[in-house]
């Protein structure tokens, strides 16, 4: 746990993140939301950076990923940790990782019920709603800049 009371967030490649992120993503996306497992885990995992939020008992309670093109996705928080700032901490860690990698903006496809969450973190909707994995989504983006003092 960090001094803020939120779980510590770590960024890893898929080889390190898979054993931690896969059970949580399976619970949230496959069991809770009915997304087929064969599309939930995909080839983009291997080339993405993954945020892991570790609870006090060492279990992962939140996760998300940053694709090489600056797309954030697979945001998931364990049900008992929702509404406690974990998702926001994971999201901001992924935005910071994108900034470290020199991106000027990040994009994501937000489930419509989560639009308010992403708006609170500075994301803006773009385009019309669309269905992905049987769930209504909206594309969103947020401008960022490189980390100060880093050139590259």
Protein backbone atom coordinates (compact mmCIF):
# COMPACT_ATOMS: atom_id res chain seq x y z
CA UNK A 1 0.00 0.00 0.00
CA UNK A 2 1.17 3.49 -0.72
CA UNK A 3 1.02 6.31 1.81
CA UNK A 4 -2.17 7.59 0.11
CA UNK A 5 -4.10 4.47 1.12
CA UNK A 6 -4.31 3.37 -2.51
CA UNK A 7 -2.62 0.22 -3.73
CA UNK A 8 0.87 0.60 -5.15
CA UNK A 9 0.87 0.71 -8.96
CA UNK A 10 3.58 -1.04 -10.94
CA UNK A 11 4.13 -1.05 -14.71
CA UNK A 12 5.31 -4.30 -16.31
CA UNK A 13 5.56 -6.14 -19.59
CA UNK A 14 3.12 -9.00 -20.26
CA UNK A 15 5.53 -11.74 -19.20
CA UNK A 16 5.54 -10.31 -15.67
CA UNK A 17 1.94 -9.00 -15.65
CA UNK A 18 0.08 -11.99 -17.14
CA UNK A 19 -0.18 -14.15 -14.00
CA UNK A 20 -1.54 -11.16 -12.05
CA UNK A 21 -3.72 -9.41 -14.64
CA UNK A 22 -5.30 -12.44 -16.32
CA UNK A 23 -7.41 -13.64 -13.35
CA UNK A 24 -8.76 -10.13 -12.68
CA UNK A 25 -9.51 -9.46 -16.34
CA UNK A 26 -11.21 -12.84 -16.64
CA UNK A 27 -13.36 -12.07 -13.60
CA UNK A 28 -14.37 -8.58 -14.76
CA UNK A 29 -14.68 -8.95 -18.51
CA UNK A 30 -15.55 -12.62 -19.05
CA UNK A 31 -17.56 -13.51 -15.94
CA UNK A 32 -19.17 -10.14 -15.08
CA UNK A 33 -19.60 -8.65 -18.56
CA UNK A 34 -19.87 -11.75 -20.75
CA UNK A 35 -16.97 -10.94 -23.08
CA UNK A 36 -15.72 -14.15 -24.77
CA UNK A 37 -12.34 -15.19 -23.35
CA UNK A 38 -10.93 -15.67 -26.86
CA UNK A 39 -11.28 -11.92 -27.59
CA UNK A 40 -10.50 -10.65 -24.08
CA UNK A 41 -6.92 -11.92 -24.13
CA UNK A 42 -5.27 -10.94 -27.41
CA UNK A 43 -2.00 -10.46 -29.27
CA UNK A 44 -1.79 -6.84 -28.09
CA UNK A 45 -1.07 -7.99 -24.53
CA UNK A 46 2.44 -9.13 -25.51
CA UNK A 47 3.38 -5.72 -26.94
CA UNK A 48 1.71 -3.55 -24.27
CA UNK A 49 2.78 -2.11 -20.94
CA UNK A 50 0.52 -3.24 -18.08
CA UNK A 51 -0.36 -1.40 -14.88
CA UNK A 52 -0.95 -3.57 -11.83
CA UNK A 53 -2.46 -2.24 -8.58
CA UNK A 54 -1.44 -4.47 -5.67
CA UNK A 55 -3.63 -4.60 -2.58
CA UNK A 56 -2.21 -4.99 0.95
CA UNK A 57 -2.36 -8.79 0.68
CA UNK A 58 -0.33 -8.83 -2.54
CA UNK A 59 -3.29 -9.58 -4.82
CA UNK A 60 -3.85 -7.45 -7.89
CA UNK A 61 -6.99 -5.35 -7.41
CA UNK A 62 -6.71 -3.23 -10.55
CA UNK A 63 -5.13 -3.42 -13.99
CA UNK A 64 -5.00 -1.74 -17.38
CA UNK A 65 -2.74 -1.64 -20.40
CA UNK A 66 -1.05 0.84 -22.74
CA UNK A 67 -0.64 -0.28 -26.34
CA UNK A 68 2.39 0.84 -28.39
CA UNK A 69 0.17 3.35 -30.25
CA UNK A 70 -0.93 5.18 -27.08
CA UNK A 71 -4.26 3.39 -26.70
CA UNK A 72 -5.29 2.62 -23.10
CA UNK A 73 -7.50 -0.40 -22.53
CA UNK A 74 -8.46 -3.42 -20.45
CA UNK A 75 -9.11 -1.26 -17.39
CA UNK A 76 -10.45 -3.53 -14.65
CA UNK A 77 -10.88 -3.17 -10.87
CA UNK A 78 -11.88 -5.91 -8.45
CA UNK A 79 -15.48 -5.38 -7.32
CA UNK A 80 -14.57 -4.80 -3.66
CA UNK A 81 -12.10 -2.06 -4.62
CA UNK A 82 -14.35 -0.10 -6.98
CA UNK A 83 -15.15 3.46 -6.01
CA UNK A 84 -11.97 3.74 -3.91
CA UNK A 85 -9.68 5.46 -6.43
CA UNK A 86 -7.95 2.35 -7.76
CA UNK A 87 -9.18 2.79 -11.32
CA UNK A 88 -8.09 6.42 -11.33
CA UNK A 89 -4.65 5.50 -10.00
CA UNK A 90 -4.25 2.80 -12.68
CA UNK A 91 -5.41 5.21 -15.38
CA UNK A 92 -3.06 7.99 -14.27
CA UNK A 93 -0.15 5.52 -14.11
CA UNK A 94 -0.85 4.52 -17.71
CA UNK A 95 -1.08 8.17 -18.79
CA UNK A 96 2.26 8.83 -17.05
CA UNK A 97 3.79 5.84 -18.84
CA UNK A 98 2.53 7.23 -22.16
CA UNK A 99 4.08 10.61 -21.31
CA UNK A 100 7.41 8.92 -20.49
CA UNK A 101 7.23 7.29 -23.91
CA UNK A 102 6.74 10.68 -25.59
CA UNK A 103 3.08 10.51 -26.55
CA UNK A 104 1.25 13.81 -26.97
CA UNK A 105 -2.15 12.21 -26.44
CA UNK A 106 -3.73 8.97 -25.32
CA UNK A 107 -6.95 7.41 -26.57
CA UNK A 108 -9.34 4.79 -25.25
CA UNK A 109 -12.69 3.19 -25.91
CA UNK A 110 -14.81 3.76 -22.81
CA UNK A 111 -17.84 1.71 -21.92
CA UNK A 112 -20.73 4.19 -21.91
CA UNK A 113 -21.55 3.73 -18.20
CA UNK A 114 -17.92 4.70 -17.40
CA UNK A 115 -17.87 7.95 -19.40
CA UNK A 116 -18.13 10.10 -16.27
CA UNK A 117 -15.10 8.37 -14.74
CA UNK A 118 -12.97 9.14 -17.79
CA UNK A 119 -14.31 12.72 -18.06
CA UNK A 120 -13.17 13.31 -14.46
CA UNK A 121 -9.68 12.31 -15.60
CA UNK A 122 -9.63 14.82 -18.45
CA UNK A 123 -10.78 12.62 -21.33
CA UNK A 124 -13.04 14.04 -24.05
CA UNK A 125 -15.51 12.05 -26.15
CA UNK A 126 -15.04 11.82 -29.89
CA UNK A 127 -17.30 10.32 -32.55
CA UNK A 128 -20.46 8.33 -32.19
CA UNK A 129 -21.16 5.44 -29.80
CA UNK A 130 -20.31 1.97 -31.12
CA UNK A 131 -20.62 -1.63 -29.97
CA UNK A 132 -17.47 -3.57 -29.08
CA UNK A 133 -17.66 -7.09 -27.58
CA UNK A 134 -21.42 -6.60 -27.28
CA UNK A 135 -21.00 -3.47 -25.08
CA UNK A 136 -21.75 0.15 -26.05
CA UNK A 137 -18.58 2.30 -26.11
CA UNK A 138 -17.41 5.83 -26.98
CA UNK A 139 -13.95 6.79 -28.21
CA UNK A 140 -12.22 9.29 -25.92
CA UNK A 141 -8.88 11.11 -25.90
CA UNK A 142 -6.73 13.22 -23.59
CA UNK A 143 -3.83 15.49 -24.45
CA UNK A 144 -0.62 14.86 -22.54
CA UNK A 145 2.97 15.93 -22.93
CA UNK A 146 6.36 14.35 -22.41
CA UNK A 147 7.67 14.17 -18.85
CA UNK A 148 9.51 17.41 -18.00
CA UNK A 149 13.26 17.11 -18.17
CA UNK A 150 13.15 14.10 -20.49
CA UNK A 151 14.02 14.44 -24.14
CA UNK A 152 13.82 11.92 -26.66
